[in-house]
PDB file of N, CA and C in Angstrom:
ATOM      1  N   MET A   1     152.613-228.335 -30.700  1.00  0.00           N
ATOM      2  CA  MET A   1     152.428-227.083 -31.350  1.00  0.00           C
ATOM      3  C   MET A   1     151.890-226.033 -30.340  1.00  0.00           C
ATOM      4  N   ILE A   2     152.467-224.880 -30.413  1.00  0.00           N
ATOM      5  CA  ILE A   2     152.116-223.764 -29.522  1.00  0.00           C
ATOM      6  C   ILE A   2     151.057-222.869 -30.161  1.00  0.00           C
ATOM      7  N   SER A   3     150.001-222.582 -29.427  1.00  0.00           N
ATOM      8  CA  SER A   3     148.965-221.734 -29.985  1.00  0.00           C
ATOM      9  C   SER A   3     149.290-220.234 -29.700  1.00  0.00           C
ATOM     10  N   THR A   4     148.908-219.409 -30.610  1.00  0.00           N
ATOM     11  CA  THR A   4     149.128-217.954 -30.480  1.00  0.00           C
ATOM     12  C   THR A   4     147.865-217.293 -29.942  1.00  0.00           C
ATOM     13  N   VAL A   5     146.904-218.111 -29.564  1.00  0.00           N
ATOM     14  CA  VAL A   5     145.652-217.446 -29.039  1.00  0.00           C
ATOM     15  C   VAL A   5     145.987-216.845 -27.687  1.00  0.00           C
ATOM     16  N   GLY A   6     145.631-215.557 -27.500  1.00  0.00           N
ATOM     17  CA  GLY A   6     145.971-214.922 -26.271  1.00  0.00           C
ATOM     18  C   GLY A   6     147.162-214.016 -26.333  1.00  0.00           C
ATOM     19  N   VAL A   7     147.935-214.098 -27.460  1.00  0.00           N
ATOM     20  CA  VAL A   7     149.080-213.267 -27.607  1.00  0.00           C
ATOM     21  C   VAL A   7     148.578-211.928 -27.969  1.00  0.00           C
ATOM     22  N   GLY A   8     148.822-210.979 -27.130  1.00  0.00           N
ATOM     23  CA  GLY A   8     148.258-209.630 -27.385  1.00  0.00           C
ATOM     24  C   GLY A   8     149.309-208.589 -27.646  1.00  0.00           C
ATOM     25  N   MET A   9     148.966-207.397 -27.164  1.00  0.00           N
ATOM     26  CA  MET A   9     149.742-206.174 -27.487  1.00  0.00           C
ATOM     27  C   MET A   9     151.232-206.271 -26.986  1.00  0.00           C
ATOM     28  N   ASP A  10     151.322-206.789 -25.769  1.00  0.00           N
ATOM     29  CA  ASP A  10     152.645-206.873 -25.122  1.00  0.00           C
ATOM     30  C   ASP A  10     152.932-208.284 -24.674  1.00  0.00           C
ATOM     31  N   GLY A  11     152.574-209.304 -25.511  1.00  0.00           N
ATOM     32  CA  GLY A  11     152.892-210.666 -25.112  1.00  0.00           C
ATOM     33  C   GLY A  11     151.638-211.315 -24.607  1.00  0.00           C
ATOM     34  N   TRP A  12     151.684-211.864 -23.377  1.00  0.00           N
ATOM     35  CA  TRP A  12     150.690-212.677 -22.829  1.00  0.00           C
ATOM     36  C   TRP A  12     149.845-211.981 -21.826  1.00  0.00           C
ATOM     37  N   ASP A  13     149.341-210.816 -22.154  1.00  0.00           N
ATOM     38  CA  ASP A  13     148.454-210.064 -21.257  1.00  0.00           C
ATOM     39  C   ASP A  13     147.081-210.759 -21.140  1.00  0.00           C
ATOM     40  N   THR A  14     146.526-210.640 -19.956  1.00  0.00           N
ATOM     41  CA  THR A  14     145.137-211.093 -19.816  1.00  0.00           C
ATOM     42  C   THR A  14     144.214-210.185 -20.514  1.00  0.00           C
ATOM     43  N   ARG A  15     142.955-210.619 -20.799  1.00  0.00           N
ATOM     44  CA  ARG A  15     141.997-209.747 -21.445  1.00  0.00           C
ATOM     45  C   ARG A  15     141.734-208.505 -20.705  1.00  0.00           C
ATOM     46  N   ARG A  16     141.695-208.528 -19.352  1.00  0.00           N
ATOM     47  CA  ARG A  16     141.476-207.347 -18.540  1.00  0.00           C
ATOM     48  C   ARG A  16     142.692-206.408 -18.660  1.00  0.00           C
ATOM     49  N   GLU A  17     143.847-206.899 -18.689  1.00  0.00           N
ATOM     50  CA  GLU A  17     145.056-206.025 -18.801  1.00  0.00           C
ATOM     51  C   GLU A  17     145.011-205.388 -20.132  1.00  0.00           C
ATOM     52  N   LYS A  18     144.589-206.057 -21.178  1.00  0.00           N
ATOM     53  CA  LYS A  18     144.514-205.438 -22.522  1.00  0.00           C
ATOM     54  C   LYS A  18     143.478-204.309 -22.493  1.00  0.00           C
ATOM     55  N   ILE A  19     142.312-204.498 -21.823  1.00  0.00           N
ATOM     56  CA  ILE A  19     141.326-203.548 -21.753  1.00  0.00           C
ATOM     57  C   ILE A  19     141.790-202.256 -21.016  1.00  0.00           C
ATOM     58  N   VAL A  20     142.536-202.501 -19.953  1.00  0.00           N
ATOM     59  CA  VAL A  20     143.076-201.314 -19.211  1.00  0.00           C
ATOM     60  C   VAL A  20     144.038-200.541 -20.215  1.00  0.00           C
ATOM     61  N   LYS A  21     144.907-201.249 -20.931  1.00  0.00           N
ATOM     62  CA  LYS A  21     145.754-200.514 -21.804  1.00  0.00           C
ATOM     63  C   LYS A  21     145.010-199.748 -22.905  1.00  0.00           C
ATOM     64  N   LEU A  22     144.007-200.408 -23.451  1.00  0.00           N
ATOM     65  CA  LEU A  22     143.160-199.718 -24.424  1.00  0.00           C
ATOM     66  C   LEU A  22     142.451-198.520 -23.883  1.00  0.00           C
ATOM     67  N   LEU A  23     141.923-198.582 -22.702  1.00  0.00           N
ATOM     68  CA  LEU A  23     141.217-197.421 -22.167  1.00  0.00           C
ATOM     69  C   LEU A  23     142.128-196.371 -21.551  1.00  0.00           C
ATOM     70  N   SER A  24     143.389-196.634 -21.445  1.00  0.00           N
ATOM     71  CA  SER A  24     144.314-195.604 -20.865  1.00  0.00           C
ATOM     72  C   SER A  24     145.012-194.730 -21.931  1.00  0.00           C
ATOM     73  N   THR A  25     144.540-194.895 -23.197  1.00  0.00           N
ATOM     74  CA  THR A  25     145.113-194.144 -24.313  1.00  0.00           C
ATOM     75  C   THR A  25     144.728-192.683 -24.327  1.00  0.00           C
ATOM     76  N   GLY A  26     143.636-192.278 -23.588  1.00  0.00           N
ATOM     77  CA  GLY A  26     143.261-190.941 -23.517  1.00  0.00           C
ATOM     78  C   GLY A  26     141.972-190.674 -24.306  1.00  0.00           C
ATOM     79  N   GLU A  27     141.664-191.570 -25.296  1.00  0.00           N
ATOM     80  CA  GLU A  27     140.385-191.334 -26.087  1.00  0.00           C
ATOM     81  C   GLU A  27     139.329-192.339 -25.598  1.00  0.00           C
ATOM     82  N   PRO A  28     138.101-191.918 -25.494  1.00  0.00           N
ATOM     83  CA  PRO A  28     137.026-192.848 -25.043  1.00  0.00           C
ATOM     84  C   PRO A  28     136.835-193.947 -26.127  1.00  0.00           C
ATOM     85  N   VAL A  29     136.555-195.137 -25.653  1.00  0.00           N
ATOM     86  CA  VAL A  29     136.428-196.267 -26.543  1.00  0.00           C
ATOM     87  C   VAL A  29     135.067-196.909 -26.323  1.00  0.00           C
ATOM     88  N   SER A  30     134.332-197.242 -27.436  1.00  0.00           N
ATOM     89  CA  SER A  30     133.014-197.799 -27.378  1.00  0.00           C
ATOM     90  C   SER A  30     133.108-199.294 -27.017  1.00  0.00           C
ATOM     91  N   LEU A  31     132.048-199.884 -26.623  1.00  0.00           N
ATOM     92  CA  LEU A  31     131.948-201.321 -26.377  1.00  0.00           C
ATOM     93  C   LEU A  31     132.282-202.126 -27.575  1.00  0.00           C
ATOM     94  N   ASP A  32     131.712-201.736 -28.732  1.00  0.00           N
ATOM     95  CA  ASP A  32     131.997-202.545 -29.947  1.00  0.00           C
ATOM     96  C   ASP A  32     133.444-202.462 -30.333  1.00  0.00           C
ATOM     97  N   GLU A  33     134.052-201.271 -30.172  1.00  0.00           N
ATOM     98  CA  GLU A  33     135.478-201.066 -30.491  1.00  0.00           C
ATOM     99  C   GLU A  33     136.318-202.032 -29.588  1.00  0.00           C
ATOM    100  N   LEU A  34     135.956-202.056 -28.282  1.00  0.00           N
ATOM    101  CA  LEU A  34     136.690-202.929 -27.347  1.00  0.00           C
ATOM    102  C   LEU A  34     136.548-204.374 -27.828  1.00  0.00           C
ATOM    103  N   CYS A  35     135.307-204.818 -28.117  1.00  0.00           N
ATOM    104  CA  CYS A  35     135.103-206.198 -28.474  1.00  0.00           C
ATOM    105  C   CYS A  35     135.938-206.517 -29.780  1.00  0.00           C
ATOM    106  N   ARG A  36     135.900-205.589 -30.730  1.00  0.00           N
ATOM    107  CA  ARG A  36     136.608-205.842 -32.022  1.00  0.00           C
ATOM    108  C   ARG A  36     138.127-205.924 -31.733  1.00  0.00           C
ATOM    109  N   MET A  37     138.688-204.990 -30.958  1.00  0.00           N
ATOM    110  CA  MET A  37     140.125-205.009 -30.700  1.00  0.00           C
ATOM    111  C   MET A  37     140.541-206.224 -29.918  1.00  0.00           C
ATOM    112  N   LEU A  38     139.661-206.783 -29.055  1.00  0.00           N
ATOM    113  CA  LEU A  38     140.021-207.918 -28.263  1.00  0.00           C
ATOM    114  C   LEU A  38     139.716-209.249 -28.990  1.00  0.00           C
ATOM    115  N   GLY A  39     138.860-209.189 -30.010  1.00  0.00           N
ATOM    116  CA  GLY A  39     138.527-210.419 -30.714  1.00  0.00           C
ATOM    117  C   GLY A  39     137.439-211.179 -29.866  1.00  0.00           C
ATOM    118  N   VAL A  40     136.614-210.437 -29.069  1.00  0.00           N
ATOM    119  CA  VAL A  40     135.577-211.082 -28.236  1.00  0.00           C
ATOM    120  C   VAL A  40     134.240-210.774 -28.915  1.00  0.00           C
ATOM    121  N   PHE A  41     133.401-211.725 -29.087  1.00  0.00           N
ATOM    122  CA  PHE A  41     132.111-211.449 -29.805  1.00  0.00           C
ATOM    123  C   PHE A  41     130.968-211.276 -28.815  1.00  0.00           C
ATOM    124  N   ASP A  42     131.145-211.578 -27.510  1.00  0.00           N
ATOM    125  CA  ASP A  42     130.078-211.451 -26.578  1.00  0.00           C
ATOM    126  C   ASP A  42     130.295-210.169 -25.803  1.00  0.00           C
ATOM    127  N   ARG A  43     129.426-209.199 -25.913  1.00  0.00           N
ATOM    128  CA  ARG A  43     129.473-207.949 -25.272  1.00  0.00           C
ATOM    129  C   ARG A  43     129.341-208.112 -23.732  1.00  0.00           C
ATOM    130  N   LYS A  44     128.633-209.097 -23.234  1.00  0.00           N
ATOM    131  CA  LYS A  44     128.440-209.244 -21.837  1.00  0.00           C
ATOM    132  C   LYS A  44     129.762-209.589 -21.151  1.00  0.00           C
ATOM    133  N   ILE A  45     130.609-210.330 -21.787  1.00  0.00           N
ATOM    134  CA  ILE A  45     131.878-210.637 -21.224  1.00  0.00           C
ATOM    135  C   ILE A  45     132.744-209.439 -21.025  1.00  0.00           C
ATOM    136  N   VAL A  46     132.776-208.573 -22.057  1.00  0.00           N
ATOM    137  CA  VAL A  46     133.555-207.302 -21.986  1.00  0.00           C
ATOM    138  C   VAL A  46     132.924-206.430 -20.905  1.00  0.00           C
ATOM    139  N   LEU A  47     131.611-206.319 -20.842  1.00  0.00           N
ATOM    140  CA  LEU A  47     131.025-205.438 -19.843  1.00  0.00           C
ATOM    141  C   LEU A  47     131.344-205.964 -18.412  1.00  0.00           C
ATOM    142  N   GLU A  48     131.279-207.246 -18.226  1.00  0.00           N
ATOM    143  CA  GLU A  48     131.677-207.795 -16.928  1.00  0.00           C
ATOM    144  C   GLU A  48     133.152-207.490 -16.585  1.00  0.00           C
ATOM    145  N   ASP A  49     133.992-207.603 -17.557  1.00  0.00           N
ATOM    146  CA  ASP A  49     135.405-207.226 -17.368  1.00  0.00           C
ATOM    147  C   ASP A  49     135.617-205.721 -16.964  1.00  0.00           C
ATOM    148  N   VAL A  50     134.848-204.891 -17.717  1.00  0.00           N
ATOM    149  CA  VAL A  50     134.919-203.438 -17.450  1.00  0.00           C
ATOM    150  C   VAL A  50     134.377-203.126 -16.017  1.00  0.00           C
ATOM    151  N   SER A  51     133.386-203.799 -15.578  1.00  0.00           N
ATOM    152  CA  SER A  51     132.878-203.619 -14.180  1.00  0.00           C
ATOM    153  C   SER A  51     133.940-203.983 -13.158  1.00  0.00           C
ATOM    154  N   HIS A  52     134.588-205.094 -13.405  1.00  0.00           N
ATOM    155  CA  HIS A  52     135.584-205.558 -12.487  1.00  0.00           C
ATOM    156  C   HIS A  52     136.797-204.619 -12.541  1.00  0.00           C
ATOM    157  N   ILE A  53     137.160-204.112 -13.716  1.00  0.00           N
ATOM    158  CA  ILE A  53     138.222-203.151 -13.800  1.00  0.00           C
ATOM    159  C   ILE A  53     137.942-201.854 -13.012  1.00  0.00           C
ATOM    160  N   ALA A  54     136.668-201.448 -13.067  1.00  0.00           N
ATOM    161  CA  ALA A  54     136.231-200.194 -12.340  1.00  0.00           C
ATOM    162  C   ALA A  54     136.505-200.364 -10.863  1.00  0.00           C
ATOM    163  N   GLN A  55     136.128-201.546 -10.304  1.00  0.00           N
ATOM    164  CA  GLN A  55     136.323-201.862  -8.891  1.00  0.00           C
ATOM    165  C   GLN A  55     137.833-201.847  -8.556  1.00  0.00           C
ATOM    166  N   THR A  56     138.659-202.437  -9.391  1.00  0.00           N
ATOM    167  CA  THR A  56     140.079-202.585  -9.135  1.00  0.00           C
ATOM    168  C   THR A  56     140.630-201.204  -9.212  1.00  0.00           C
ATOM    169  N   LEU A  57     140.293-200.302 -10.082  1.00  0.00           N
ATOM    170  CA  LEU A  57     140.904-199.008 -10.275  1.00  0.00           C
ATOM    171  C   LEU A  57     140.583-198.107  -9.062  1.00  0.00           C
ATOM    172  N   ARG A  58     139.459-198.328  -8.489  1.00  0.00           N
ATOM    173  CA  ARG A  58     139.126-197.501  -7.292  1.00  0.00           C
ATOM    174  C   ARG A  58     140.183-197.711  -6.181  1.00  0.00           C
ATOM    175  N   LYS A  59     140.692-198.900  -6.020  1.00  0.00           N
ATOM    176  CA  LYS A  59     141.669-199.277  -5.066  1.00  0.00           C
ATOM    177  C   LYS A  59     143.037-198.598  -5.372  1.00  0.00           C
ATOM    178  N   LYS A  60     143.232-198.279  -6.679  1.00  0.00           N
ATOM    179  CA  LYS A  60     144.582-197.725  -7.119  1.00  0.00           C
ATOM    180  C   LYS A  60     144.444-196.275  -7.359  1.00  0.00           C
ATOM    181  N   ASN A  61     143.406-195.633  -6.915  1.00  0.00           N
ATOM    182  CA  ASN A  61     143.213-194.186  -7.044  1.00  0.00           C
ATOM    183  C   ASN A  61     143.184-193.734  -8.429  1.00  0.00           C
ATOM    184  N   SER A  62     142.753-194.570  -9.371  1.00  0.00           N
ATOM    185  CA  SER A  62     142.445-194.228 -10.744  1.00  0.00           C
ATOM    186  C   SER A  62     140.883-194.329 -10.902  1.00  0.00           C
ATOM    187  N   LYS A  63     140.418-193.866 -12.055  1.00  0.00           N
ATOM    188  CA  LYS A  63     138.985-193.893 -12.193  1.00  0.00           C
ATOM    189  C   LYS A  63     138.611-194.390 -13.617  1.00  0.00           C
ATOM    190  N   LEU A  64     137.653-195.220 -13.738  1.00  0.00           N
ATOM    191  CA  LEU A  64     137.031-195.574 -15.016  1.00  0.00           C
ATOM    192  C   LEU A  64     135.863-194.642 -15.248  1.00  0.00           C
ATOM    193  N   VAL A  65     135.882-193.887 -16.331  1.00  0.00           N
ATOM    194  CA  VAL A  65     134.850-192.933 -16.654  1.00  0.00           C
ATOM    195  C   VAL A  65     134.027-193.595 -17.790  1.00  0.00           C
ATOM    196  N   MET A  66     132.662-193.594 -17.584  1.00  0.00           N
ATOM    197  CA  MET A  66     131.752-194.050 -18.619  1.00  0.00           C
ATOM    198  C   MET A  66     130.897-192.933 -19.106  1.00  0.00           C
ATOM    199  N   LEU A  67     130.987-192.611 -20.382  1.00  0.00           N
ATOM    200  CA  LEU A  67     130.116-191.650 -21.020  1.00  0.00           C
ATOM    201  C   LEU A  67     128.835-192.470 -21.320  1.00  0.00           C
ATOM    202  N   PRO A  68     127.717-192.175 -20.640  1.00  0.00           N
ATOM    203  CA  PRO A  68     126.555-193.032 -20.682  1.00  0.00           C
ATOM    204  C   PRO A  68     125.886-193.130 -22.111  1.00  0.00           C
ATOM    205  N   PRO A  69     125.236-194.189 -22.326  1.00  0.00           N
ATOM    206  CA  PRO A  69     124.488-194.355 -23.569  1.00  0.00           C
ATOM    207  C   PRO A  69     123.322-193.388 -23.612  1.00  0.00           C
ATOM    208  N   ALA A  70     122.863-193.158 -24.854  1.00  0.00           N
ATOM    209  CA  ALA A  70     121.749-192.180 -25.031  1.00  0.00           C
ATOM    210  C   ALA A  70     120.802-192.697 -26.157  1.00  0.00           C
ATOM    211  N   CYS A  71     119.602-192.302 -26.055  1.00  0.00           N
ATOM    212  CA  CYS A  71     118.621-192.651 -27.075  1.00  0.00           C
ATOM    213  C   CYS A  71     118.903-191.812 -28.398  1.00  0.00           C
ATOM    214  N   LEU A  72     118.962-192.466 -29.483  1.00  0.00           N
ATOM    215  CA  LEU A  72     119.274-191.755 -30.728  1.00  0.00           C
ATOM    216  C   LEU A  72     118.035-191.074 -31.373  1.00  0.00           C
ATOM    217  N   ARG A  73     116.857-191.322 -30.761  1.00  0.00           N
ATOM    218  CA  ARG A  73     115.689-190.671 -31.251  1.00  0.00           C
ATOM    219  C   ARG A  73     115.369-189.422 -30.463  1.00  0.00           C
ATOM    220  N   CYS A  74     115.211-189.559 -29.146  1.00  0.00           N
ATOM    221  CA  CYS A  74     114.789-188.350 -28.326  1.00  0.00           C
ATOM    222  C   CYS A  74     115.912-187.771 -27.514  1.00  0.00           C
ATOM    223  N   GLY A  75     117.072-188.413 -27.448  1.00  0.00           N
ATOM    224  CA  GLY A  75     118.208-187.891 -26.723  1.00  0.00           C
ATOM    225  C   GLY A  75     118.284-188.169 -25.239  1.00  0.00           C
ATOM    226  N   PHE A  76     117.352-188.983 -24.757  1.00  0.00           N
ATOM    227  CA  PHE A  76     117.417-189.373 -23.376  1.00  0.00           C
ATOM    228  C   PHE A  76     118.735-190.010 -23.014  1.00  0.00           C
ATOM    229  N   VAL A  77     119.396-189.559 -21.864  1.00  0.00           N
ATOM    230  CA  VAL A  77     120.615-190.009 -21.474  1.00  0.00           C
ATOM    231  C   VAL A  77     120.506-190.968 -20.276  1.00  0.00           C
ATOM    232  N   PHE A  78     121.069-192.148 -20.354  1.00  0.00           N
ATOM    233  CA  PHE A  78     120.997-193.081 -19.223  1.00  0.00           C
ATOM    234  C   PHE A  78     122.058-192.767 -18.232  1.00  0.00           C
ATOM    235  N   LYS A  79     121.933-191.732 -17.447  1.00  0.00           N
ATOM    236  CA  LYS A  79     122.936-191.268 -16.599  1.00  0.00           C
ATOM    237  C   LYS A  79     122.941-191.915 -15.185  1.00  0.00           C
ATOM    238  N   ASP A  80     121.839-192.596 -14.863  1.00  0.00           N
ATOM    239  CA  ASP A  80     121.752-193.181 -13.539  1.00  0.00           C
ATOM    240  C   ASP A  80     122.086-194.647 -13.523  1.00  0.00           C
ATOM    241  N   LEU A  81     122.988-195.086 -14.424  1.00  0.00           N
ATOM    242  CA  LEU A  81     123.456-196.518 -14.424  1.00  0.00           C
ATOM    243  C   LEU A  81     124.392-196.776 -13.372  1.00  0.00           C
ATOM    244  N   SER A  82     124.159-197.762 -12.488  1.00  0.00           N
ATOM    245  CA  SER A  82     125.123-198.064 -11.435  1.00  0.00           C
ATOM    246  C   SER A  82     126.302-198.894 -11.942  1.00  0.00           C
ATOM    247  N   ARG A  83     126.083-199.679 -12.951  1.00  0.00           N
ATOM    248  CA  ARG A  83     127.072-200.536 -13.559  1.00  0.00           C
ATOM    249  C   ARG A  83     127.089-200.267 -15.087  1.00  0.00           C
ATOM    250  N   PRO A  84     128.220-200.498 -15.697  1.00  0.00           N
ATOM    251  CA  PRO A  84     128.247-200.444 -17.161  1.00  0.00           C
ATOM    252  C   PRO A  84     127.327-201.450 -17.793  1.00  0.00           C
ATOM    253  N   LYS A  85     126.406-200.994 -18.586  1.00  0.00           N
ATOM    254  CA  LYS A  85     125.509-201.943 -19.304  1.00  0.00           C
ATOM    255  C   LYS A  85     125.030-201.204 -20.562  1.00  0.00           C
ATOM    256  N   LEU A  86     124.401-202.048 -21.385  1.00  0.00           N
ATOM    257  CA  LEU A  86     123.795-201.583 -22.656  1.00  0.00           C
ATOM    258  C   LEU A  86     122.298-201.689 -22.549  1.00  0.00           C
ATOM    259  N   PRO A  87     121.566-200.571 -22.362  1.00  0.00           N
ATOM    260  CA  PRO A  87     120.142-200.661 -22.198  1.00  0.00           C
ATOM    261  C   PRO A  87     119.518-201.106 -23.514  1.00  0.00           C
ATOM    262  N   SER A  88     118.341-201.812 -23.373  1.00  0.00           N
ATOM    263  CA  SER A  88     117.741-202.423 -24.593  1.00  0.00           C
ATOM    264  C   SER A  88     116.768-201.381 -25.324  1.00  0.00           C
ATOM    265  N   ARG A  89     116.175-200.472 -24.460  1.00  0.00           N
ATOM    266  CA  ARG A  89     115.213-199.490 -25.025  1.00  0.00           C
ATOM    267  C   ARG A  89     115.115-198.256 -24.210  1.00  0.00           C
ATOM    268  N   CYS A  90     114.722-197.187 -24.796  1.00  0.00           N
ATOM    269  CA  CYS A  90     114.549-195.902 -24.084  1.00  0.00           C
ATOM    270  C   CYS A  90     113.298-195.912 -23.248  1.00  0.00           C
ATOM    271  N   PRO A  91     113.389-195.532 -21.955  1.00  0.00           N
ATOM    272  CA  PRO A  91     112.129-195.554 -21.115  1.00  0.00           C
ATOM    273  C   PRO A  91     111.211-194.376 -21.442  1.00  0.00           C
ATOM    274  N   LYS A  92     111.725-193.382 -22.140  1.00  0.00           N
ATOM    275  CA  LYS A  92     110.895-192.214 -22.521  1.00  0.00           C
ATOM    276  C   LYS A  92     110.132-192.400 -23.792  1.00  0.00           C
ATOM    277  N   CYS A  93     110.782-192.848 -24.866  1.00  0.00           N
ATOM    278  CA  CYS A  93     110.077-192.969 -26.155  1.00  0.00           C
ATOM    279  C   CYS A  93     110.003-194.428 -26.662  1.00  0.00           C
ATOM    280  N   LYS A  94     110.529-195.320 -25.976  1.00  0.00           N
ATOM    281  CA  LYS A  94     110.503-196.794 -26.190  1.00  0.00           C
ATOM    282  C   LYS A  94     111.269-197.182 -27.501  1.00  0.00           C
ATOM    283  N   ASN A  95     112.128-196.270 -27.971  1.00  0.00           N
ATOM    284  CA  ASN A  95     112.893-196.566 -29.157  1.00  0.00           C
ATOM    285  C   ASN A  95     114.046-197.541 -28.742  1.00  0.00           C
ATOM    286  N   GLU A  96     114.494-198.453 -29.663  1.00  0.00           N
ATOM    287  CA  GLU A  96     115.512-199.397 -29.369  1.00  0.00           C
ATOM    288  C   GLU A  96     116.868-198.945 -29.957  1.00  0.00           C
ATOM    289  N   ARG A  97     116.930-197.824 -30.586  1.00  0.00           N
ATOM    290  CA  ARG A  97     118.223-197.256 -31.138  1.00  0.00           C
ATOM    291  C   ARG A  97     118.940-196.493 -30.007  1.00  0.00           C
ATOM    292  N   ILE A  98     119.820-197.209 -29.331  1.00  0.00           N
ATOM    293  CA  ILE A  98     120.583-196.560 -28.225  1.00  0.00           C
ATOM    294  C   ILE A  98     122.045-196.572 -28.531  1.00  0.00           C
ATOM    295  N   SER A  99     122.682-195.413 -28.287  1.00  0.00           N
ATOM    296  CA  SER A  99     124.159-195.331 -28.472  1.00  0.00           C
ATOM    297  C   SER A  99     124.865-196.161 -27.451  1.00  0.00           C
ATOM    298  N   GLN A 100     126.082-196.531 -27.773  1.00  0.00           N
ATOM    299  CA  GLN A 100     126.799-197.406 -26.835  1.00  0.00           C
ATOM    300  C   GLN A 100     127.496-196.521 -25.774  1.00  0.00           C
ATOM    301  N   PRO A 101     127.720-197.001 -24.613  1.00  0.00           N
ATOM    302  CA  PRO A 101     128.562-196.269 -23.673  1.00  0.00           C
ATOM    303  C   PRO A 101     130.039-196.280 -24.124  1.00  0.00           C
ATOM    304  N   LEU A 102     130.703-195.174 -23.801  1.00  0.00           N
ATOM    305  CA  LEU A 102     132.092-194.984 -24.096  1.00  0.00           C
ATOM    306  C   LEU A 102     132.821-195.077 -22.781  1.00  0.00           C
ATOM    307  N   PHE A 103     134.013-195.685 -22.817  1.00  0.00           N
ATOM    308  CA  PHE A 103     134.809-195.899 -21.554  1.00  0.00           C
ATOM    309  C   PHE A 103     136.181-195.301 -21.726  1.00  0.00           C
ATOM    310  N   GLN A 104     136.706-194.811 -20.623  1.00  0.00           N
ATOM    311  CA  GLN A 104     138.042-194.203 -20.591  1.00  0.00           C
ATOM    312  C   GLN A 104     138.570-194.240 -19.158  1.00  0.00           C
ATOM    313  N   ILE A 105     139.865-194.440 -19.014  1.00  0.00           N
ATOM    314  CA  ILE A 105     140.492-194.389 -17.646  1.00  0.00           C
ATOM    315  C   ILE A 105     141.231-193.049 -17.595  1.00  0.00           C
ATOM    316  N   LYS A 106     140.949-192.503 -16.375  1.00  0.00           N
ATOM    317  CA  LYS A 106     141.581-191.200 -16.031  1.00  0.00           C
ATOM    318  C   LYS A 106     142.372-191.375 -14.730  1.00  0.00           C
TER     319      LYS A 106
END
């Protein structure tokens, strides 16, 4: 019996190829939206894939743009992130309600 797990948008694309296609649509996509569209429940896996995709795109003269997460209480923006990640709390007000980063390929 043949399993259909892994059959994606255009056949047998890898997870990273699917992420590139999703981020190339022109609209920023949140981390949770990516996880839901890919059927992956672990955010860390998707963040690792996004980091790898960013490195690969640099070699191809494309760019992964990350709209940084922000504190939903005080508005602090986590703009100094060197890698895509989801901060656990705001360093300014210590609130744990943080918006998700949005990703897009340009």
